[in-house]
Amino acid sequence: MQPYFKQYLLFFSVIFMALNSHAQFKETSKWKALFAVGFNSPSANGFVEGTEAQSINLPTVNIGVQHMFKQQFGVKLDYGFNRFKLDNVSPEVKINYSRVNVQFVYDPSSYIDFLPPQIRTVLHAGPGYSFVKPLGNLDENKQSYLNFLGGLEVHYAISKKVSVYTDLAYIYGFTSLDDYDPVLSGLGAFNGNVFNLTFGLAISLSGCQFCD
């Protein structure tokens, strides 16, 4: 009986360790801090004619906190900053575009069988508020309006607590140039949409204190 007892003990020990490891991984997914940097591309029709921005601009910076209620569902609060440089205008004329969004998060990775366990996909979308402020002596032309952001993240886990990810997002502004009352020949006005591509880190804020 003793050899069989040792085999059963070994079997159940392995099962317990596997389940405990899975529970730790889920626990580390509950709260996460996210930080990413990249570039942006604002829509040309959001600018007064003749003052459009460059098609690709740096930097874009996103900072957020995410909470998952279940393995697939959660919410996040995040702040994003973008800078646009205008074409055919003095190099000093730039625009700061920032936003705050509350987003619904959905992780369908468990339903995608072909993905390796280190890779997860995350869909996110939600409403927010945008703030547009030209630099220099054009700061009187600042604006603010509602937005809606939608995006897709792809995460690659490098440990139980840290993953690297890329985020492809689109910010739709509930505004138009008709809503803008130009103060200084329309310079620095932006009432439009923004495409973002960023790369960053997601760091667990919960569970598994001594994860490798």
N, C-alpha and C. Protein backbone atom coordinates (compact mmCIF):
# COMPACT_ATOMS: atom_id res chain seq x y z
N MET A 1 0.82 -1.21 0.00
CA MET A 1 0.00 0.00 0.00
C MET A 1 0.86 1.26 0.00
N GLN A 2 2.03 1.18 0.63
CA GLN A 2 2.84 2.39 0.78
C GLN A 2 3.26 2.98 -0.56
N PRO A 3 3.70 2.21 -1.58
CA PRO A 3 4.06 2.80 -2.87
C PRO A 3 2.89 3.54 -3.52
N TYR A 4 1.66 2.93 -3.41
CA TYR A 4 0.49 3.58 -3.99
C TYR A 4 0.17 4.88 -3.26
N PHE A 5 0.35 4.87 -1.93
CA PHE A 5 0.09 6.08 -1.15
C PHE A 5 1.02 7.22 -1.58
N LYS A 6 2.29 6.88 -1.81
CA LYS A 6 3.24 7.90 -2.25
C LYS A 6 2.87 8.44 -3.63
N GLN A 7 2.39 7.55 -4.51
CA GLN A 7 1.99 8.00 -5.85
C GLN A 7 0.79 8.94 -5.77
N TYR A 8 -0.21 8.57 -4.95
CA TYR A 8 -1.38 9.43 -4.79
C TYR A 8 -0.99 10.77 -4.18
N LEU A 9 -0.10 10.72 -3.18
CA LEU A 9 0.34 11.95 -2.53
C LEU A 9 1.04 12.87 -3.54
N LEU A 10 1.90 12.29 -4.38
CA LEU A 10 2.59 13.06 -5.40
C LEU A 10 1.61 13.65 -6.41
N PHE A 11 0.63 12.82 -6.80
CA PHE A 11 -0.37 13.27 -7.79
C PHE A 11 -1.16 14.47 -7.26
N PHE A 12 -1.68 14.36 -6.04
CA PHE A 12 -2.49 15.44 -5.48
C PHE A 12 -1.65 16.67 -5.16
N SER A 13 -0.38 16.46 -4.85
CA SER A 13 0.50 17.61 -4.61
C SER A 13 0.70 18.42 -5.88
N VAL A 14 0.88 17.71 -7.00
CA VAL A 14 1.04 18.41 -8.29
C VAL A 14 -0.23 19.15 -8.64
N ILE A 15 -1.41 18.51 -8.46
CA ILE A 15 -2.69 19.17 -8.75
C ILE A 15 -2.86 20.41 -7.88
N PHE A 16 -2.53 20.32 -6.60
CA PHE A 16 -2.67 21.46 -5.69
C PHE A 16 -1.76 22.61 -6.11
N MET A 17 -0.53 22.29 -6.48
CA MET A 17 0.41 23.33 -6.89
C MET A 17 -0.06 24.01 -8.17
N ALA A 18 -0.62 23.24 -9.10
CA ALA A 18 -1.10 23.82 -10.35
C ALA A 18 -2.27 24.75 -10.09
N LEU A 19 -3.23 24.29 -9.24
CA LEU A 19 -4.39 25.12 -8.93
C LEU A 19 -3.99 26.37 -8.18
N ASN A 20 -3.04 26.23 -7.25
CA ASN A 20 -2.58 27.38 -6.48
C ASN A 20 -1.89 28.39 -7.38
N SER A 21 -1.09 27.91 -8.32
CA SER A 21 -0.42 28.81 -9.27
C SER A 21 -1.42 29.54 -10.11
N HIS A 22 -2.49 28.83 -10.57
CA HIS A 22 -3.53 29.47 -11.39
C HIS A 22 -4.26 30.53 -10.58
N ALA A 23 -4.55 30.22 -9.30
CA ALA A 23 -5.24 31.19 -8.45
C ALA A 23 -4.39 32.43 -8.25
N GLN A 24 -3.08 32.24 -8.06
CA GLN A 24 -2.19 33.38 -7.90
C GLN A 24 -2.19 34.25 -9.14
N PHE A 25 -2.16 33.60 -10.31
CA PHE A 25 -2.14 34.37 -11.55
C PHE A 25 -3.42 35.19 -11.68
N LYS A 26 -4.58 34.57 -11.34
CA LYS A 26 -5.84 35.32 -11.41
C LYS A 26 -5.85 36.46 -10.41
N GLU A 27 -5.29 36.23 -9.22
CA GLU A 27 -5.25 37.27 -8.20
C GLU A 27 -4.41 38.46 -8.67
N THR A 28 -3.31 38.19 -9.36
CA THR A 28 -2.46 39.28 -9.82
C THR A 28 -3.11 40.07 -10.94
N SER A 29 -4.16 39.53 -11.54
CA SER A 29 -4.84 40.23 -12.64
C SER A 29 -5.93 41.18 -12.14
N LYS A 30 -6.26 41.13 -10.85
CA LYS A 30 -7.39 41.94 -10.36
C LYS A 30 -7.11 43.44 -10.48
N TRP A 31 -5.97 43.88 -9.98
CA TRP A 31 -5.61 45.29 -10.05
C TRP A 31 -4.30 45.43 -10.83
N LYS A 32 -4.30 46.33 -11.81
CA LYS A 32 -3.09 46.56 -12.60
C LYS A 32 -2.89 48.05 -12.84
N ALA A 33 -1.63 48.45 -12.87
CA ALA A 33 -1.25 49.78 -13.32
C ALA A 33 -0.69 49.64 -14.73
N LEU A 34 -1.10 50.57 -15.61
CA LEU A 34 -0.66 50.52 -17.00
C LEU A 34 0.03 51.82 -17.38
N PHE A 35 1.16 51.68 -18.08
CA PHE A 35 1.90 52.84 -18.56
C PHE A 35 2.39 52.55 -19.97
N ALA A 36 2.10 53.46 -20.90
CA ALA A 36 2.49 53.22 -22.29
C ALA A 36 2.86 54.53 -22.97
N VAL A 37 3.75 54.45 -23.95
CA VAL A 37 4.15 55.60 -24.76
C VAL A 37 4.10 55.19 -26.23
N GLY A 38 3.92 56.18 -27.10
CA GLY A 38 3.86 55.87 -28.53
C GLY A 38 3.65 57.12 -29.35
N PHE A 39 2.87 56.98 -30.42
CA PHE A 39 2.65 58.11 -31.31
C PHE A 39 1.17 58.24 -31.64
N ASN A 40 0.80 59.36 -32.26
CA ASN A 40 -0.60 59.63 -32.55
C ASN A 40 -0.76 60.19 -33.96
N SER A 41 -1.98 60.10 -34.47
CA SER A 41 -2.32 60.64 -35.78
C SER A 41 -3.70 61.28 -35.70
N PRO A 42 -3.78 62.61 -35.59
CA PRO A 42 -5.08 63.28 -35.52
C PRO A 42 -5.74 63.39 -36.89
N SER A 43 -7.07 63.40 -36.90
CA SER A 43 -7.80 63.50 -38.16
C SER A 43 -7.62 64.89 -38.77
N ALA A 44 -7.37 64.94 -40.08
CA ALA A 44 -7.12 66.22 -40.75
C ALA A 44 -8.34 67.12 -40.74
N ASN A 45 -9.54 66.54 -40.76
CA ASN A 45 -10.74 67.37 -40.81
C ASN A 45 -11.10 67.99 -39.46
N GLY A 46 -10.25 67.74 -38.45
CA GLY A 46 -10.49 68.39 -37.16
C GLY A 46 -9.79 69.73 -37.01
N PHE A 47 -9.05 70.14 -38.07
CA PHE A 47 -8.30 71.40 -38.03
C PHE A 47 -8.90 72.42 -38.99
N VAL A 48 -8.69 73.69 -38.67
CA VAL A 48 -9.03 74.76 -39.60
C VAL A 48 -8.16 74.59 -40.85
N GLU A 49 -8.74 74.78 -42.02
CA GLU A 49 -8.02 74.56 -43.27
C GLU A 49 -6.74 75.40 -43.32
N GLY A 50 -5.65 74.73 -43.68
CA GLY A 50 -4.35 75.40 -43.75
C GLY A 50 -3.53 75.29 -42.49
N THR A 51 -4.09 74.72 -41.43
CA THR A 51 -3.33 74.58 -40.18
C THR A 51 -3.35 73.14 -39.67
N GLU A 52 -3.36 72.17 -40.60
CA GLU A 52 -3.41 70.77 -40.20
C GLU A 52 -2.12 70.33 -39.51
N ALA A 53 -2.24 69.30 -38.70
CA ALA A 53 -1.07 68.75 -38.01
C ALA A 53 -0.35 67.75 -38.90
N GLN A 54 0.87 67.41 -38.52
CA GLN A 54 1.59 66.34 -39.18
C GLN A 54 0.82 65.03 -39.01
N SER A 55 0.99 64.12 -39.97
CA SER A 55 0.22 62.88 -39.93
C SER A 55 0.65 61.98 -38.78
N ILE A 56 1.94 62.01 -38.40
CA ILE A 56 2.46 61.23 -37.28
C ILE A 56 3.11 62.18 -36.29
N ASN A 57 2.71 62.06 -35.02
CA ASN A 57 3.20 62.98 -33.99
C ASN A 57 3.67 62.23 -32.76
N LEU A 58 4.64 62.82 -32.07
CA LEU A 58 5.16 62.34 -30.80
C LEU A 58 5.08 63.48 -29.78
N PRO A 59 4.91 63.18 -28.49
CA PRO A 59 4.67 61.84 -27.94
C PRO A 59 3.19 61.60 -27.70
N THR A 60 2.88 60.36 -27.39
CA THR A 60 1.61 59.96 -26.78
C THR A 60 1.95 59.22 -25.50
N VAL A 61 1.34 59.58 -24.40
CA VAL A 61 1.59 58.94 -23.10
C VAL A 61 0.25 58.57 -22.48
N ASN A 62 0.10 57.32 -22.07
CA ASN A 62 -1.12 56.85 -21.41
C ASN A 62 -0.78 56.25 -20.05
N ILE A 63 -1.55 56.62 -19.03
CA ILE A 63 -1.38 56.10 -17.67
C ILE A 63 -2.75 55.68 -17.16
N GLY A 64 -2.86 54.47 -16.60
CA GLY A 64 -4.16 54.02 -16.14
C GLY A 64 -4.09 53.02 -15.01
N VAL A 65 -5.27 52.80 -14.39
CA VAL A 65 -5.44 51.77 -13.35
C VAL A 65 -6.63 50.90 -13.77
N GLN A 66 -6.44 49.59 -13.71
CA GLN A 66 -7.47 48.65 -14.18
C GLN A 66 -7.86 47.69 -13.07
N HIS A 67 -9.17 47.40 -12.97
CA HIS A 67 -9.67 46.43 -12.00
C HIS A 67 -10.57 45.43 -12.72
N MET A 68 -10.25 44.14 -12.58
CA MET A 68 -11.06 43.08 -13.18
C MET A 68 -11.99 42.50 -12.13
N PHE A 69 -13.31 42.53 -12.40
CA PHE A 69 -14.28 41.94 -11.48
C PHE A 69 -14.29 40.42 -11.62
N LYS A 70 -14.14 39.96 -12.87
CA LYS A 70 -14.02 38.54 -13.17
C LYS A 70 -12.87 38.38 -14.16
N GLN A 71 -12.62 37.13 -14.58
CA GLN A 71 -11.50 36.89 -15.47
C GLN A 71 -11.67 37.64 -16.79
N GLN A 72 -12.93 37.79 -17.25
CA GLN A 72 -13.15 38.42 -18.55
C GLN A 72 -13.56 39.89 -18.46
N PHE A 73 -14.14 40.34 -17.35
CA PHE A 73 -14.76 41.65 -17.30
C PHE A 73 -14.12 42.56 -16.25
N GLY A 74 -14.01 43.84 -16.60
CA GLY A 74 -13.46 44.81 -15.66
C GLY A 74 -13.66 46.23 -16.15
N VAL A 75 -13.03 47.16 -15.45
CA VAL A 75 -13.09 48.58 -15.80
C VAL A 75 -11.70 49.18 -15.62
N LYS A 76 -11.47 50.31 -16.28
CA LYS A 76 -10.23 51.03 -16.03
C LYS A 76 -10.46 52.53 -16.17
N LEU A 77 -9.67 53.26 -15.42
CA LEU A 77 -9.65 54.71 -15.48
C LEU A 77 -8.28 55.11 -15.99
N ASP A 78 -8.24 55.90 -17.08
CA ASP A 78 -6.93 56.27 -17.60
C ASP A 78 -6.89 57.70 -18.12
N TYR A 79 -5.66 58.20 -18.15
CA TYR A 79 -5.36 59.55 -18.63
C TYR A 79 -4.41 59.43 -19.81
N GLY A 80 -4.67 60.22 -20.85
CA GLY A 80 -3.80 60.20 -22.01
C GLY A 80 -3.37 61.61 -22.40
N PHE A 81 -2.12 61.71 -22.85
CA PHE A 81 -1.58 62.99 -23.31
C PHE A 81 -1.01 62.82 -24.71
N ASN A 82 -1.35 63.74 -25.61
CA ASN A 82 -0.82 63.75 -26.97
C ASN A 82 -0.34 65.16 -27.31
N ARG A 83 0.65 65.21 -28.18
CA ARG A 83 1.08 66.51 -28.70
C ARG A 83 1.08 66.46 -30.23
N PHE A 84 0.50 67.49 -30.85
CA PHE A 84 0.48 67.61 -32.30
C PHE A 84 1.39 68.76 -32.72
N LYS A 85 2.11 68.56 -33.81
CA LYS A 85 2.89 69.63 -34.41
C LYS A 85 2.24 70.02 -35.72
N LEU A 86 1.98 71.32 -35.91
CA LEU A 86 1.26 71.78 -37.09
C LEU A 86 2.18 71.90 -38.29
N ASP A 87 1.68 71.51 -39.47
CA ASP A 87 2.39 71.70 -40.73
C ASP A 87 2.21 73.13 -41.23
N ASN A 88 3.18 73.61 -42.01
CA ASN A 88 3.08 74.91 -42.69
C ASN A 88 2.86 76.07 -41.72
N VAL A 89 3.27 75.90 -40.46
CA VAL A 89 3.13 76.93 -39.45
C VAL A 89 4.45 76.98 -38.69
N SER A 90 4.68 78.05 -37.96
CA SER A 90 5.89 78.18 -37.16
C SER A 90 6.13 76.94 -36.31
N PRO A 91 7.39 76.47 -36.20
CA PRO A 91 7.67 75.25 -35.41
C PRO A 91 7.22 75.35 -33.97
N GLU A 92 7.09 76.57 -33.46
CA GLU A 92 6.68 76.74 -32.06
C GLU A 92 5.19 76.46 -31.86
N VAL A 93 4.42 76.43 -32.95
CA VAL A 93 2.97 76.24 -32.83
C VAL A 93 2.68 74.74 -32.70
N LYS A 94 2.36 74.32 -31.50
CA LYS A 94 2.02 72.93 -31.22
C LYS A 94 0.75 72.90 -30.38
N ILE A 95 0.13 71.73 -30.33
CA ILE A 95 -1.12 71.58 -29.60
C ILE A 95 -0.98 70.44 -28.61
N ASN A 96 -1.37 70.68 -27.36
CA ASN A 96 -1.47 69.63 -26.36
C ASN A 96 -2.91 69.11 -26.33
N TYR A 97 -3.06 67.82 -26.53
CA TYR A 97 -4.39 67.17 -26.48
C TYR A 97 -4.35 66.13 -25.37
N SER A 98 -5.16 66.31 -24.34
CA SER A 98 -5.21 65.36 -23.24
C SER A 98 -6.65 64.88 -23.05
N ARG A 99 -6.79 63.78 -22.37
CA ARG A 99 -8.11 63.18 -22.18
C ARG A 99 -8.14 62.38 -20.89
N VAL A 100 -9.36 62.17 -20.36
CA VAL A 100 -9.61 61.27 -19.24
C VAL A 100 -10.78 60.38 -19.64
N ASN A 101 -10.63 59.06 -19.47
CA ASN A 101 -11.69 58.13 -19.87
C ASN A 101 -11.94 57.07 -18.82
N VAL A 102 -13.21 56.70 -18.67
CA VAL A 102 -13.62 55.54 -17.89
C VAL A 102 -14.05 54.49 -18.89
N GLN A 103 -13.41 53.29 -18.83
CA GLN A 103 -13.63 52.31 -19.87
C GLN A 103 -14.03 50.94 -19.33
N PHE A 104 -14.88 50.27 -20.09
CA PHE A 104 -15.23 48.89 -19.85
C PHE A 104 -14.16 48.01 -20.49
N VAL A 105 -13.75 46.96 -19.79
CA VAL A 105 -12.66 46.09 -20.26
C VAL A 105 -13.21 44.67 -20.43
N TYR A 106 -12.88 44.06 -21.56
CA TYR A 106 -13.29 42.67 -21.84
C TYR A 106 -12.10 41.88 -22.35
N ASP A 107 -11.82 40.75 -21.69
CA ASP A 107 -10.69 39.89 -22.05
C ASP A 107 -11.23 38.56 -22.58
N PRO A 108 -11.24 38.37 -23.92
CA PRO A 108 -11.77 37.13 -24.50
C PRO A 108 -10.72 36.04 -24.68
N SER A 109 -9.56 36.20 -24.09
CA SER A 109 -8.42 35.30 -24.37
C SER A 109 -8.74 33.83 -24.10
N SER A 110 -9.53 33.56 -23.05
CA SER A 110 -9.82 32.17 -22.70
C SER A 110 -10.66 31.46 -23.76
N TYR A 111 -11.28 32.24 -24.65
CA TYR A 111 -12.09 31.64 -25.73
C TYR A 111 -11.29 31.51 -27.03
N ILE A 112 -10.07 32.01 -27.04
CA ILE A 112 -9.24 31.94 -28.25
C ILE A 112 -8.23 30.82 -28.04
N ASP A 113 -8.54 29.64 -28.55
CA ASP A 113 -7.78 28.43 -28.22
C ASP A 113 -6.34 28.44 -28.74
N PHE A 114 -6.10 29.11 -29.85
CA PHE A 114 -4.78 29.01 -30.46
C PHE A 114 -3.73 29.91 -29.81
N LEU A 115 -4.15 30.80 -28.89
CA LEU A 115 -3.19 31.70 -28.26
C LEU A 115 -2.40 30.97 -27.17
N PRO A 116 -1.09 31.16 -27.10
CA PRO A 116 -0.32 30.61 -25.97
C PRO A 116 -0.71 31.32 -24.68
N PRO A 117 -0.50 30.66 -23.52
CA PRO A 117 -0.96 31.24 -22.24
C PRO A 117 -0.32 32.58 -21.89
N GLN A 118 0.86 32.87 -22.46
CA GLN A 118 1.52 34.14 -22.14
C GLN A 118 0.86 35.34 -22.83
N ILE A 119 0.04 35.09 -23.85
CA ILE A 119 -0.54 36.18 -24.63
C ILE A 119 -2.02 36.34 -24.30
N ARG A 120 -2.42 37.58 -24.06
CA ARG A 120 -3.82 37.89 -23.80
C ARG A 120 -4.23 39.08 -24.67
N THR A 121 -5.48 39.04 -25.09
CA THR A 121 -6.04 40.17 -25.83
C THR A 121 -7.09 40.85 -24.95
N VAL A 122 -7.13 42.17 -25.01
CA VAL A 122 -8.05 42.94 -24.17
C VAL A 122 -8.73 44.01 -25.03
N LEU A 123 -10.06 43.97 -25.05
CA LEU A 123 -10.84 45.02 -25.70
C LEU A 123 -11.25 46.03 -24.65
N HIS A 124 -11.19 47.32 -24.99
CA HIS A 124 -11.59 48.35 -24.02
C HIS A 124 -12.31 49.49 -24.74
N ALA A 125 -13.31 50.05 -24.07
CA ALA A 125 -14.08 51.16 -24.67
C ALA A 125 -14.83 51.90 -23.58
N GLY A 126 -14.99 53.21 -23.78
CA GLY A 126 -15.75 53.98 -22.81
C GLY A 126 -15.69 55.48 -23.05
N PRO A 127 -16.56 56.22 -22.38
CA PRO A 127 -16.65 57.67 -22.58
C PRO A 127 -15.58 58.42 -21.82
N GLY A 128 -15.38 59.67 -22.22
CA GLY A 128 -14.40 60.51 -21.55
C GLY A 128 -14.54 61.96 -21.94
N TYR A 129 -13.52 62.73 -21.58
CA TYR A 129 -13.53 64.17 -21.85
C TYR A 129 -12.16 64.56 -22.38
N SER A 130 -12.16 65.35 -23.45
CA SER A 130 -10.91 65.79 -24.09
C SER A 130 -10.65 67.27 -23.80
N PHE A 131 -9.36 67.60 -23.67
CA PHE A 131 -8.93 68.97 -23.43
C PHE A 131 -7.87 69.35 -24.47
N VAL A 132 -8.12 70.40 -25.22
CA VAL A 132 -7.21 70.84 -26.28
C VAL A 132 -6.67 72.20 -25.90
N LYS A 133 -5.33 72.32 -25.88
CA LYS A 133 -4.71 73.59 -25.50
C LYS A 133 -3.51 73.87 -26.40
N PRO A 134 -3.58 74.88 -27.26
CA PRO A 134 -2.41 75.27 -28.06
C PRO A 134 -1.33 75.86 -27.17
N LEU A 135 -0.07 75.72 -27.59
CA LEU A 135 1.04 76.27 -26.83
C LEU A 135 1.33 77.71 -27.26
N GLY A 136 2.16 78.36 -26.47
CA GLY A 136 2.57 79.73 -26.80
C GLY A 136 1.46 80.74 -26.57
N ASN A 137 1.41 81.76 -27.46
CA ASN A 137 0.44 82.84 -27.27
C ASN A 137 -0.93 82.50 -27.83
N LEU A 138 -1.16 81.20 -28.13
CA LEU A 138 -2.46 80.78 -28.65
C LEU A 138 -3.31 80.08 -27.59
N ASP A 139 -2.92 80.21 -26.32
CA ASP A 139 -3.62 79.46 -25.29
C ASP A 139 -5.06 79.90 -25.09
N GLU A 140 -5.44 81.06 -25.66
CA GLU A 140 -6.84 81.47 -25.58
C GLU A 140 -7.74 80.58 -26.44
N ASN A 141 -7.14 79.83 -27.34
CA ASN A 141 -7.91 78.97 -28.24
C ASN A 141 -8.16 77.57 -27.67
N LYS A 142 -8.06 77.41 -26.38
CA LYS A 142 -8.28 76.09 -25.80
C LYS A 142 -9.75 75.68 -25.89
N GLN A 143 -9.98 74.37 -25.97
CA GLN A 143 -11.32 73.81 -26.09
C GLN A 143 -11.43 72.55 -25.24
N SER A 144 -12.65 72.10 -25.01
CA SER A 144 -12.89 70.82 -24.32
C SER A 144 -14.22 70.26 -24.80
N TYR A 145 -14.30 68.93 -24.87
CA TYR A 145 -15.52 68.29 -25.36
C TYR A 145 -15.52 66.81 -24.99
N LEU A 146 -16.68 66.19 -25.10
CA LEU A 146 -16.84 64.78 -24.80
C LEU A 146 -16.17 63.91 -25.88
N ASN A 147 -15.76 62.72 -25.48
CA ASN A 147 -15.20 61.77 -26.44
C ASN A 147 -15.65 60.36 -26.12
N PHE A 148 -15.38 59.45 -27.04
CA PHE A 148 -15.58 58.02 -26.80
C PHE A 148 -14.38 57.29 -27.36
N LEU A 149 -13.75 56.45 -26.55
CA LEU A 149 -12.52 55.75 -26.93
C LEU A 149 -12.79 54.25 -27.05
N GLY A 150 -12.24 53.65 -28.10
CA GLY A 150 -12.29 52.20 -28.27
C GLY A 150 -10.93 51.69 -28.69
N GLY A 151 -10.55 50.51 -28.20
CA GLY A 151 -9.22 50.01 -28.56
C GLY A 151 -9.03 48.53 -28.30
N LEU A 152 -7.88 48.03 -28.72
CA LEU A 152 -7.48 46.64 -28.54
C LEU A 152 -6.05 46.59 -28.03
N GLU A 153 -5.86 45.86 -26.93
CA GLU A 153 -4.53 45.64 -26.38
C GLU A 153 -4.13 44.17 -26.59
N VAL A 154 -2.84 43.96 -26.83
CA VAL A 154 -2.27 42.61 -26.87
C VAL A 154 -1.15 42.55 -25.84
N HIS A 155 -1.30 41.69 -24.84
CA HIS A 155 -0.35 41.58 -23.73
C HIS A 155 0.50 40.32 -23.86
N TYR A 156 1.77 40.43 -23.49
CA TYR A 156 2.67 39.28 -23.41
C TYR A 156 3.27 39.25 -22.00
N ALA A 157 2.96 38.21 -21.24
CA ALA A 157 3.41 38.12 -19.85
C ALA A 157 4.88 37.71 -19.79
N ILE A 158 5.68 38.54 -19.10
CA ILE A 158 7.08 38.18 -18.88
C ILE A 158 7.29 37.65 -17.47
N SER A 159 6.26 37.78 -16.61
CA SER A 159 6.23 37.17 -15.29
C SER A 159 4.78 37.18 -14.84
N LYS A 160 4.52 36.65 -13.63
CA LYS A 160 3.14 36.65 -13.14
C LYS A 160 2.65 38.05 -12.82
N LYS A 161 3.57 38.99 -12.62
CA LYS A 161 3.15 40.34 -12.22
C LYS A 161 3.38 41.40 -13.28
N VAL A 162 4.11 41.08 -14.33
CA VAL A 162 4.46 42.10 -15.32
C VAL A 162 4.22 41.56 -16.73
N SER A 163 3.61 42.40 -17.56
CA SER A 163 3.48 42.06 -18.98
C SER A 163 3.80 43.30 -19.81
N VAL A 164 4.29 43.07 -21.02
CA VAL A 164 4.46 44.14 -21.99
C VAL A 164 3.27 44.08 -22.94
N TYR A 165 2.87 45.24 -23.46
CA TYR A 165 1.69 45.23 -24.32
C TYR A 165 1.74 46.36 -25.34
N THR A 166 0.93 46.18 -26.38
CA THR A 166 0.71 47.23 -27.35
C THR A 166 -0.77 47.54 -27.40
N ASP A 167 -1.10 48.80 -27.61
CA ASP A 167 -2.50 49.25 -27.57
C ASP A 167 -2.80 50.06 -28.83
N LEU A 168 -3.80 49.62 -29.57
CA LEU A 168 -4.27 50.32 -30.76
C LEU A 168 -5.62 50.92 -30.41
N ALA A 169 -5.72 52.27 -30.42
CA ALA A 169 -6.93 52.93 -29.93
C ALA A 169 -7.36 54.07 -30.83
N TYR A 170 -8.67 54.34 -30.81
CA TYR A 170 -9.24 55.43 -31.60
C TYR A 170 -10.13 56.26 -30.68
N ILE A 171 -9.92 57.57 -30.68
CA ILE A 171 -10.68 58.49 -29.82
C ILE A 171 -11.58 59.33 -30.71
N TYR A 172 -12.88 59.16 -30.54
CA TYR A 172 -13.86 59.93 -31.33
C TYR A 172 -14.32 61.13 -30.51
N GLY A 173 -14.18 62.32 -31.08
CA GLY A 173 -14.61 63.53 -30.39
C GLY A 173 -16.02 63.94 -30.78
N PHE A 174 -16.86 64.15 -29.77
CA PHE A 174 -18.23 64.62 -30.03
C PHE A 174 -18.21 66.13 -30.21
N THR A 175 -17.68 66.56 -31.35
CA THR A 175 -17.50 67.97 -31.62
C THR A 175 -17.28 68.16 -33.12
N SER A 176 -17.25 69.39 -33.56
CA SER A 176 -16.92 69.70 -34.95
C SER A 176 -16.38 71.12 -34.99
N LEU A 177 -15.79 71.49 -36.12
CA LEU A 177 -15.26 72.84 -36.24
C LEU A 177 -16.35 73.89 -36.15
N ASP A 178 -17.59 73.51 -36.41
CA ASP A 178 -18.70 74.46 -36.27
C ASP A 178 -18.89 74.88 -34.83
N ASP A 179 -18.39 74.04 -33.89
CA ASP A 179 -18.51 74.37 -32.46
C ASP A 179 -17.41 75.31 -32.00
N TYR A 180 -16.43 75.59 -32.88
CA TYR A 180 -15.28 76.38 -32.48
C TYR A 180 -15.44 77.82 -32.94
N ASP A 181 -15.26 78.75 -32.02
CA ASP A 181 -15.33 80.18 -32.31
C ASP A 181 -13.91 80.71 -32.35
N PRO A 182 -13.32 80.85 -33.55
CA PRO A 182 -11.89 81.20 -33.62
C PRO A 182 -11.56 82.53 -32.97
N VAL A 183 -10.49 82.52 -32.20
CA VAL A 183 -10.03 83.73 -31.53
C VAL A 183 -8.89 84.37 -32.30
N LEU A 184 -7.93 83.55 -32.74
CA LEU A 184 -6.76 84.07 -33.44
C LEU A 184 -6.61 83.34 -34.77
N SER A 185 -7.47 83.66 -35.72
CA SER A 185 -7.43 83.09 -37.07
C SER A 185 -7.53 81.57 -37.07
N GLY A 186 -8.10 80.99 -36.03
CA GLY A 186 -8.28 79.55 -35.98
C GLY A 186 -7.03 78.76 -35.66
N LEU A 187 -5.88 79.40 -35.46
CA LEU A 187 -4.65 78.67 -35.17
C LEU A 187 -4.78 77.91 -33.85
N GLY A 188 -4.35 76.67 -33.89
CA GLY A 188 -4.38 75.86 -32.67
C GLY A 188 -5.70 75.19 -32.41
N ALA A 189 -6.69 75.37 -33.29
CA ALA A 189 -7.98 74.72 -33.09
C ALA A 189 -7.91 73.26 -33.50
N PHE A 190 -8.45 72.37 -32.68
CA PHE A 190 -8.59 70.98 -33.06
C PHE A 190 -9.90 70.45 -32.50
N ASN A 191 -10.82 70.13 -33.37
CA ASN A 191 -12.10 69.52 -33.00
C ASN A 191 -12.26 68.26 -33.84
N GLY A 192 -11.62 67.20 -33.44
CA GLY A 192 -11.65 65.99 -34.26
C GLY A 192 -11.32 64.73 -33.50
N ASN A 193 -10.89 63.71 -34.25
CA ASN A 193 -10.63 62.38 -33.72
C ASN A 193 -9.13 62.09 -33.75
N VAL A 194 -8.71 61.14 -32.93
CA VAL A 194 -7.28 60.84 -32.81
C VAL A 194 -7.07 59.32 -32.80
N PHE A 195 -6.09 58.88 -33.59
CA PHE A 195 -5.67 57.48 -33.59
C PHE A 195 -4.36 57.38 -32.81
N ASN A 196 -4.28 56.41 -31.90
CA ASN A 196 -3.09 56.21 -31.07
C ASN A 196 -2.53 54.80 -31.24
N LEU A 197 -1.21 54.67 -31.25
CA LEU A 197 -0.54 53.39 -31.15
C LEU A 197 0.53 53.52 -30.07
N THR A 198 0.42 52.73 -29.01
CA THR A 198 1.36 52.84 -27.89
C THR A 198 1.90 51.47 -27.49
N PHE A 199 3.02 51.50 -26.75
CA PHE A 199 3.69 50.29 -26.26
C PHE A 199 4.03 50.53 -24.79
N GLY A 200 3.75 49.54 -23.94
CA GLY A 200 3.97 49.81 -22.53
C GLY A 200 4.08 48.59 -21.64
N LEU A 201 3.94 48.86 -20.33
CA LEU A 201 4.03 47.85 -19.28
C LEU A 201 2.73 47.81 -18.49
N ALA A 202 2.29 46.60 -18.13
CA ALA A 202 1.17 46.41 -17.20
C ALA A 202 1.72 45.70 -15.98
N ILE A 203 1.54 46.31 -14.80
CA ILE A 203 2.14 45.80 -13.57
C ILE A 203 1.05 45.50 -12.56
N SER A 204 1.07 44.29 -12.00
CA SER A 204 0.06 43.89 -11.03
C SER A 204 0.21 44.68 -9.73
N LEU A 205 -0.92 45.11 -9.18
CA LEU A 205 -0.93 45.80 -7.90
C LEU A 205 -1.57 44.94 -6.81
N SER A 206 -1.89 43.69 -7.13
CA SER A 206 -2.58 42.83 -6.17
C SER A 206 -2.04 41.42 -6.22
N GLY A 207 -2.07 40.75 -5.07
CA GLY A 207 -1.78 39.32 -5.00
C GLY A 207 -0.35 38.94 -5.28
N CYS A 208 -0.05 37.71 -4.94
CA CYS A 208 1.23 37.06 -5.30
C CYS A 208 2.44 37.94 -4.99
N GLN A 209 2.59 38.28 -3.72
CA GLN A 209 3.59 39.24 -3.31
C GLN A 209 5.02 38.82 -3.70
N PHE A 210 5.27 37.50 -3.69
CA PHE A 210 6.63 37.03 -3.94
C PHE A 210 6.74 36.27 -5.27
N CYS A 211 5.92 36.67 -6.25
CA CYS A 211 6.01 36.04 -7.56
C CYS A 211 7.38 36.29 -8.18
N ASP A 212 7.87 35.32 -8.96
CA ASP A 212 9.12 35.50 -9.68
C ASP A 212 8.93 36.47 -10.84
